[in-house]
Structure formats: C-alpha cells, structure tokens
C-alpha cells in the first residue's frame, strides 16, 4: 500500500517549504517505475541432450528428456550442473585379456 503524503514527508524529514516539490517528484518517479513481475526465460543456447541425442533450446524441453518418458532408454537422468562427477575407475586388465577381447570383437565382425 502506498505511503500517505505526510508520513512520507516526515520519514524523509522534508522541510515544509520543499514538501510540494518533493511530493510531486516522488509521484512522478513512482509513475515511471511501476514494478512488475519478474519473468524468467525458458530459452537457453542450443544444447545436446545426452539422454536422447536431440538438440534443445528450452530448459523445460531439455529437463523433460531426462525423465523416463523423454528418452529411449526409459531411464531417469539427473542434471548435475556444478557438481563434480565421481572419478572414472578403469578396470584393470592384463594384455592377454585385452587381446582376447579384440579377437572376440573381430571374430564377431567376421574379420
């Protein structure tokens, strides 16, 4: 609710000879600076969703792709943002195991 003229003048200790000009200036300022609701845009620069391989330029579309209904795997994904992902631990294998894996792959391809 707007503050009454006399309350406002008293709050700012405006001398009586300046009261009319100060109040008129305040009214003019209030009329030019009417507050409104803040709008948060849904737009983002195009980004690839690794959940389904599609490009998105809206936050809501991107986040929908993280839901089970929004990706072909039917999995729920989490956007970790600034969080640091757990370090990847490579499985230790011997040279012989790696050679067998390559041989199985090539055999499967008919090479």
N, C-alpha and C. Protein backbone atom coordinates (compact mmCIF):
# COMPACT_ATOMS: atom_id res chain seq x y z
N UNK A 1 0.85 -1.18 0.00
CA UNK A 1 0.00 0.00 0.00
C UNK A 1 0.89 1.24 0.00
N UNK A 2 0.46 2.24 -0.73
CA UNK A 2 1.24 3.47 -0.85
C UNK A 2 1.24 4.23 0.48
N UNK A 3 2.37 4.86 0.74
CA UNK A 3 2.52 5.63 1.96
C UNK A 3 1.83 6.99 1.79
N UNK A 4 1.15 7.46 2.84
CA UNK A 4 0.48 8.76 2.79
C UNK A 4 1.51 9.88 2.69
N UNK A 5 1.09 10.99 2.12
CA UNK A 5 1.99 12.13 1.87
C UNK A 5 2.69 12.58 3.15
N UNK A 6 1.92 12.83 4.19
CA UNK A 6 2.50 13.34 5.44
C UNK A 6 3.48 12.35 6.07
N UNK A 7 3.16 11.04 5.99
CA UNK A 7 4.08 10.02 6.53
C UNK A 7 5.39 10.02 5.75
N UNK A 8 5.29 10.12 4.43
CA UNK A 8 6.49 10.10 3.59
C UNK A 8 7.36 11.33 3.86
N UNK A 9 6.72 12.51 3.95
CA UNK A 9 7.48 13.73 4.21
C UNK A 9 8.16 13.67 5.57
N UNK A 10 7.47 13.11 6.57
CA UNK A 10 8.05 13.00 7.91
C UNK A 10 9.19 11.99 7.91
N UNK A 11 9.02 10.89 7.20
CA UNK A 11 10.04 9.85 7.15
C UNK A 11 11.36 10.40 6.61
N UNK A 12 11.28 11.24 5.59
CA UNK A 12 12.48 11.77 4.96
C UNK A 12 12.87 13.15 5.50
N UNK A 13 12.17 13.63 6.50
CA UNK A 13 12.45 14.94 7.12
C UNK A 13 12.51 16.05 6.08
N UNK A 14 11.50 16.10 5.23
CA UNK A 14 11.44 17.12 4.17
C UNK A 14 10.92 18.42 4.81
N UNK A 15 11.64 19.53 4.65
CA UNK A 15 11.16 20.80 5.20
C UNK A 15 9.87 21.24 4.51
N UNK A 16 8.98 21.92 5.24
CA UNK A 16 7.67 22.30 4.67
C UNK A 16 7.77 23.10 3.38
N UNK A 17 8.79 23.95 3.24
CA UNK A 17 8.89 24.77 2.02
C UNK A 17 9.25 23.93 0.79
N UNK A 18 9.76 22.73 1.00
CA UNK A 18 10.12 21.86 -0.13
C UNK A 18 9.12 20.71 -0.30
N UNK A 19 8.13 20.63 0.55
CA UNK A 19 7.22 19.48 0.59
C UNK A 19 6.48 19.26 -0.73
N UNK A 20 5.90 20.34 -1.29
CA UNK A 20 5.10 20.18 -2.50
C UNK A 20 5.94 19.68 -3.68
N UNK A 21 7.14 20.26 -3.86
CA UNK A 21 8.01 19.84 -4.95
C UNK A 21 8.51 18.40 -4.75
N UNK A 22 8.88 18.07 -3.51
CA UNK A 22 9.39 16.73 -3.22
C UNK A 22 8.30 15.68 -3.45
N UNK A 23 7.07 15.98 -3.02
CA UNK A 23 5.98 15.03 -3.19
C UNK A 23 5.65 14.85 -4.68
N UNK A 24 5.64 15.94 -5.43
CA UNK A 24 5.37 15.85 -6.88
C UNK A 24 6.45 15.02 -7.57
N UNK A 25 7.72 15.20 -7.16
CA UNK A 25 8.81 14.43 -7.75
C UNK A 25 8.67 12.94 -7.42
N UNK A 26 8.27 12.66 -6.19
CA UNK A 26 8.07 11.26 -5.78
C UNK A 26 6.94 10.62 -6.60
N UNK A 27 5.86 11.34 -6.78
CA UNK A 27 4.72 10.80 -7.55
C UNK A 27 5.14 10.53 -8.99
N UNK A 28 5.91 11.45 -9.57
CA UNK A 28 6.38 11.27 -10.94
C UNK A 28 7.30 10.05 -11.03
N UNK A 29 8.20 9.90 -10.05
CA UNK A 29 9.11 8.75 -10.01
C UNK A 29 8.31 7.45 -9.90
N UNK A 30 7.34 7.41 -9.00
CA UNK A 30 6.53 6.20 -8.82
C UNK A 30 5.79 5.82 -10.10
N UNK A 31 5.30 6.82 -10.82
CA UNK A 31 4.56 6.55 -12.05
C UNK A 31 5.47 5.97 -13.13
N UNK A 32 6.74 6.38 -13.15
CA UNK A 32 7.67 5.89 -14.16
C UNK A 32 8.29 4.55 -13.80
N UNK A 33 8.29 4.20 -12.54
CA UNK A 33 8.97 2.99 -12.09
C UNK A 33 8.02 1.99 -11.43
N UNK A 34 6.89 1.79 -12.06
CA UNK A 34 5.94 0.82 -11.54
C UNK A 34 6.57 -0.56 -11.63
N UNK A 35 6.53 -1.28 -10.55
CA UNK A 35 7.14 -2.61 -10.55
C UNK A 35 6.22 -3.61 -11.23
N UNK A 36 6.83 -4.64 -11.77
CA UNK A 36 6.07 -5.71 -12.40
C UNK A 36 6.69 -7.04 -12.02
N UNK A 37 6.01 -8.09 -12.36
CA UNK A 37 6.50 -9.43 -12.05
C UNK A 37 7.77 -9.71 -12.85
N UNK A 38 8.66 -10.45 -12.25
CA UNK A 38 9.89 -10.83 -12.94
C UNK A 38 9.60 -12.04 -13.83
N UNK A 39 10.12 -12.02 -15.03
CA UNK A 39 9.91 -13.10 -15.97
C UNK A 39 11.23 -13.83 -16.18
N UNK A 40 11.22 -15.12 -15.98
CA UNK A 40 12.41 -15.92 -16.20
C UNK A 40 12.22 -16.68 -17.50
N UNK A 41 13.13 -16.47 -18.42
CA UNK A 41 13.02 -17.07 -19.75
C UNK A 41 13.29 -18.58 -19.71
N UNK A 42 12.60 -19.30 -20.58
CA UNK A 42 12.82 -20.73 -20.73
C UNK A 42 13.92 -21.00 -21.77
N UNK A 43 14.34 -19.95 -22.49
CA UNK A 43 15.31 -20.10 -23.57
C UNK A 43 16.72 -20.37 -23.02
N UNK A 44 17.43 -21.28 -23.67
CA UNK A 44 18.86 -21.49 -23.43
C UNK A 44 19.53 -21.62 -24.79
N UNK A 45 20.82 -21.36 -24.85
CA UNK A 45 21.55 -21.60 -26.10
C UNK A 45 21.41 -23.07 -26.45
N UNK A 46 21.32 -23.41 -27.73
CA UNK A 46 21.13 -24.81 -28.11
C UNK A 46 22.15 -25.73 -27.44
N UNK A 47 21.63 -26.81 -26.89
CA UNK A 47 22.47 -27.76 -26.16
C UNK A 47 22.02 -29.18 -26.49
N UNK A 48 22.96 -30.10 -26.53
CA UNK A 48 22.66 -31.50 -26.84
C UNK A 48 22.28 -32.25 -25.57
N UNK A 49 21.16 -32.96 -25.61
CA UNK A 49 20.79 -33.83 -24.50
C UNK A 49 21.44 -35.18 -24.74
N UNK A 50 22.28 -35.61 -23.84
CA UNK A 50 22.93 -36.90 -23.98
C UNK A 50 21.99 -38.04 -23.62
N UNK A 51 20.80 -37.71 -23.12
CA UNK A 51 19.82 -38.75 -22.79
C UNK A 51 19.17 -39.30 -24.06
N UNK A 52 18.93 -38.42 -25.06
CA UNK A 52 18.27 -38.90 -26.28
C UNK A 52 18.93 -38.42 -27.57
N UNK A 53 20.01 -37.65 -27.48
CA UNK A 53 20.75 -37.22 -28.66
C UNK A 53 20.12 -36.08 -29.44
N UNK A 54 19.12 -35.41 -28.89
CA UNK A 54 18.47 -34.30 -29.58
C UNK A 54 18.97 -32.97 -29.05
N UNK A 55 18.86 -31.92 -29.90
CA UNK A 55 19.24 -30.56 -29.50
C UNK A 55 18.02 -29.86 -28.92
N UNK A 56 18.25 -29.06 -27.87
CA UNK A 56 17.18 -28.31 -27.23
C UNK A 56 17.60 -26.86 -27.04
N UNK A 57 16.61 -25.94 -27.18
CA UNK A 57 16.86 -24.54 -26.86
C UNK A 57 15.88 -24.05 -25.79
N UNK A 58 15.28 -25.00 -25.07
CA UNK A 58 14.44 -24.64 -23.94
C UNK A 58 14.79 -25.53 -22.75
N UNK A 59 14.81 -24.91 -21.56
CA UNK A 59 15.15 -25.66 -20.35
C UNK A 59 14.12 -26.75 -20.08
N UNK A 60 12.84 -26.42 -20.25
CA UNK A 60 11.81 -27.40 -19.94
C UNK A 60 11.90 -28.61 -20.88
N UNK A 61 12.20 -28.38 -22.17
CA UNK A 61 12.36 -29.48 -23.10
C UNK A 61 13.55 -30.36 -22.75
N UNK A 62 14.67 -29.70 -22.38
CA UNK A 62 15.87 -30.44 -22.01
C UNK A 62 15.62 -31.29 -20.76
N UNK A 63 15.02 -30.67 -19.73
CA UNK A 63 14.77 -31.41 -18.50
C UNK A 63 13.75 -32.53 -18.70
N UNK A 64 12.82 -32.35 -19.65
CA UNK A 64 11.85 -33.42 -19.95
C UNK A 64 12.56 -34.63 -20.56
N UNK A 65 13.68 -34.38 -21.27
CA UNK A 65 14.41 -35.50 -21.87
C UNK A 65 15.13 -36.33 -20.81
N UNK A 66 15.27 -35.81 -19.60
CA UNK A 66 15.90 -36.55 -18.52
C UNK A 66 14.93 -37.49 -17.81
N UNK A 67 13.65 -37.39 -18.12
CA UNK A 67 12.64 -38.25 -17.50
C UNK A 67 12.51 -39.56 -18.27
N UNK A 68 12.02 -40.62 -17.63
CA UNK A 68 11.86 -41.91 -18.32
C UNK A 68 11.00 -41.80 -19.58
N UNK A 69 10.01 -40.92 -19.57
CA UNK A 69 9.14 -40.77 -20.74
C UNK A 69 9.79 -39.95 -21.86
N UNK A 70 10.95 -39.34 -21.60
CA UNK A 70 11.57 -38.46 -22.59
C UNK A 70 12.79 -39.02 -23.26
N UNK A 71 13.14 -40.27 -23.01
CA UNK A 71 14.32 -40.84 -23.67
C UNK A 71 14.09 -42.31 -23.98
N UNK A 72 14.75 -42.82 -25.01
CA UNK A 72 14.50 -44.20 -25.45
C UNK A 72 14.93 -45.26 -24.44
N UNK A 73 15.83 -44.92 -23.52
CA UNK A 73 16.26 -45.91 -22.53
C UNK A 73 15.24 -46.09 -21.42
N UNK A 74 14.31 -45.14 -21.29
CA UNK A 74 13.32 -45.22 -20.22
C UNK A 74 13.93 -45.01 -18.84
N UNK A 75 15.06 -44.30 -18.80
CA UNK A 75 15.78 -44.07 -17.54
C UNK A 75 15.55 -42.63 -17.05
N UNK A 76 15.68 -42.43 -15.75
CA UNK A 76 15.65 -41.09 -15.18
C UNK A 76 17.10 -40.63 -15.02
N UNK A 77 17.41 -39.48 -15.62
CA UNK A 77 18.75 -38.92 -15.52
C UNK A 77 18.72 -37.68 -14.64
N UNK A 78 19.88 -37.32 -14.11
CA UNK A 78 19.99 -36.16 -13.24
C UNK A 78 20.97 -35.17 -13.85
N UNK A 79 20.60 -33.90 -13.87
CA UNK A 79 21.50 -32.84 -14.31
C UNK A 79 22.34 -32.45 -13.11
N UNK A 80 23.65 -32.69 -13.18
CA UNK A 80 24.48 -32.45 -12.00
C UNK A 80 25.05 -31.05 -11.95
N UNK A 81 24.96 -30.28 -13.03
CA UNK A 81 25.38 -28.89 -13.03
C UNK A 81 26.80 -28.68 -12.53
N UNK A 82 26.95 -27.96 -11.43
CA UNK A 82 28.26 -27.62 -10.90
C UNK A 82 28.88 -28.75 -10.07
N UNK A 83 28.13 -29.80 -9.82
CA UNK A 83 28.67 -30.91 -9.02
C UNK A 83 29.79 -31.61 -9.79
N UNK A 84 30.71 -32.15 -9.06
CA UNK A 84 31.80 -32.90 -9.69
C UNK A 84 31.40 -34.37 -9.73
N UNK A 85 31.46 -34.94 -10.90
CA UNK A 85 31.10 -36.35 -11.05
C UNK A 85 32.17 -37.22 -10.40
N UNK A 86 31.76 -38.40 -9.97
CA UNK A 86 32.72 -39.33 -9.37
C UNK A 86 33.77 -39.70 -10.41
N UNK A 87 35.01 -39.81 -10.02
CA UNK A 87 36.06 -40.14 -11.00
C UNK A 87 35.84 -41.53 -11.60
N UNK A 88 36.17 -41.63 -12.87
CA UNK A 88 36.02 -42.90 -13.58
C UNK A 88 37.15 -43.83 -13.18
N UNK A 89 36.78 -45.03 -12.79
CA UNK A 89 37.79 -46.03 -12.41
C UNK A 89 37.88 -47.06 -13.53
N UNK A 90 39.00 -47.09 -14.21
CA UNK A 90 39.20 -48.03 -15.30
C UNK A 90 39.48 -49.42 -14.72
N UNK A 91 38.79 -50.40 -15.28
CA UNK A 91 39.01 -51.78 -14.85
C UNK A 91 40.40 -52.21 -15.30
N UNK A 92 41.16 -52.76 -14.38
CA UNK A 92 42.50 -53.23 -14.70
C UNK A 92 42.40 -54.60 -15.39
N UNK A 93 43.06 -54.71 -16.52
CA UNK A 93 43.05 -55.99 -17.23
C UNK A 93 44.45 -56.25 -17.78
N UNK A 94 44.72 -57.50 -17.95
CA UNK A 94 46.04 -57.87 -18.47
C UNK A 94 46.05 -57.70 -19.99
N UNK A 95 47.23 -57.70 -20.55
CA UNK A 95 47.38 -57.60 -22.00
C UNK A 95 46.67 -58.77 -22.68
N UNK A 96 46.77 -59.96 -22.09
CA UNK A 96 46.13 -61.15 -22.66
C UNK A 96 44.61 -60.99 -22.71
N UNK A 97 44.01 -60.44 -21.64
CA UNK A 97 42.55 -60.23 -21.62
C UNK A 97 42.14 -59.23 -22.70
N UNK A 98 42.92 -58.18 -22.88
CA UNK A 98 42.61 -57.18 -23.91
C UNK A 98 42.72 -57.78 -25.30
N UNK A 99 43.74 -58.59 -25.53
CA UNK A 99 43.91 -59.24 -26.84
C UNK A 99 42.75 -60.19 -27.14
N UNK A 100 42.29 -60.93 -26.13
CA UNK A 100 41.15 -61.83 -26.31
C UNK A 100 39.89 -61.04 -26.64
N UNK A 101 39.69 -59.88 -25.99
CA UNK A 101 38.52 -59.05 -26.26
C UNK A 101 38.55 -58.53 -27.69
N UNK A 102 39.71 -58.09 -28.16
CA UNK A 102 39.84 -57.63 -29.54
C UNK A 102 39.56 -58.77 -30.51
N UNK A 103 40.09 -59.96 -30.22
CA UNK A 103 39.87 -61.13 -31.09
C UNK A 103 38.38 -61.48 -31.16
N UNK A 104 37.69 -61.48 -30.01
CA UNK A 104 36.25 -61.76 -29.99
C UNK A 104 35.49 -60.75 -30.82
N UNK A 105 35.87 -59.48 -30.70
CA UNK A 105 35.20 -58.42 -31.48
C UNK A 105 35.40 -58.62 -32.97
N UNK A 106 36.64 -58.88 -33.38
CA UNK A 106 36.91 -59.08 -34.80
C UNK A 106 36.25 -60.32 -35.34
N UNK A 107 36.23 -61.39 -34.53
CA UNK A 107 35.52 -62.63 -34.94
C UNK A 107 34.03 -62.35 -35.13
N UNK A 108 33.45 -61.54 -34.22
CA UNK A 108 32.04 -61.18 -34.31
C UNK A 108 31.72 -60.37 -35.54
N UNK A 109 32.71 -59.64 -36.05
CA UNK A 109 32.52 -58.83 -37.25
C UNK A 109 32.84 -59.61 -38.51
N UNK A 110 33.35 -60.84 -38.33
CA UNK A 110 33.68 -61.66 -39.49
C UNK A 110 35.00 -61.28 -40.12
N UNK A 111 35.86 -60.67 -39.36
CA UNK A 111 37.17 -60.24 -39.89
C UNK A 111 38.24 -61.24 -39.48
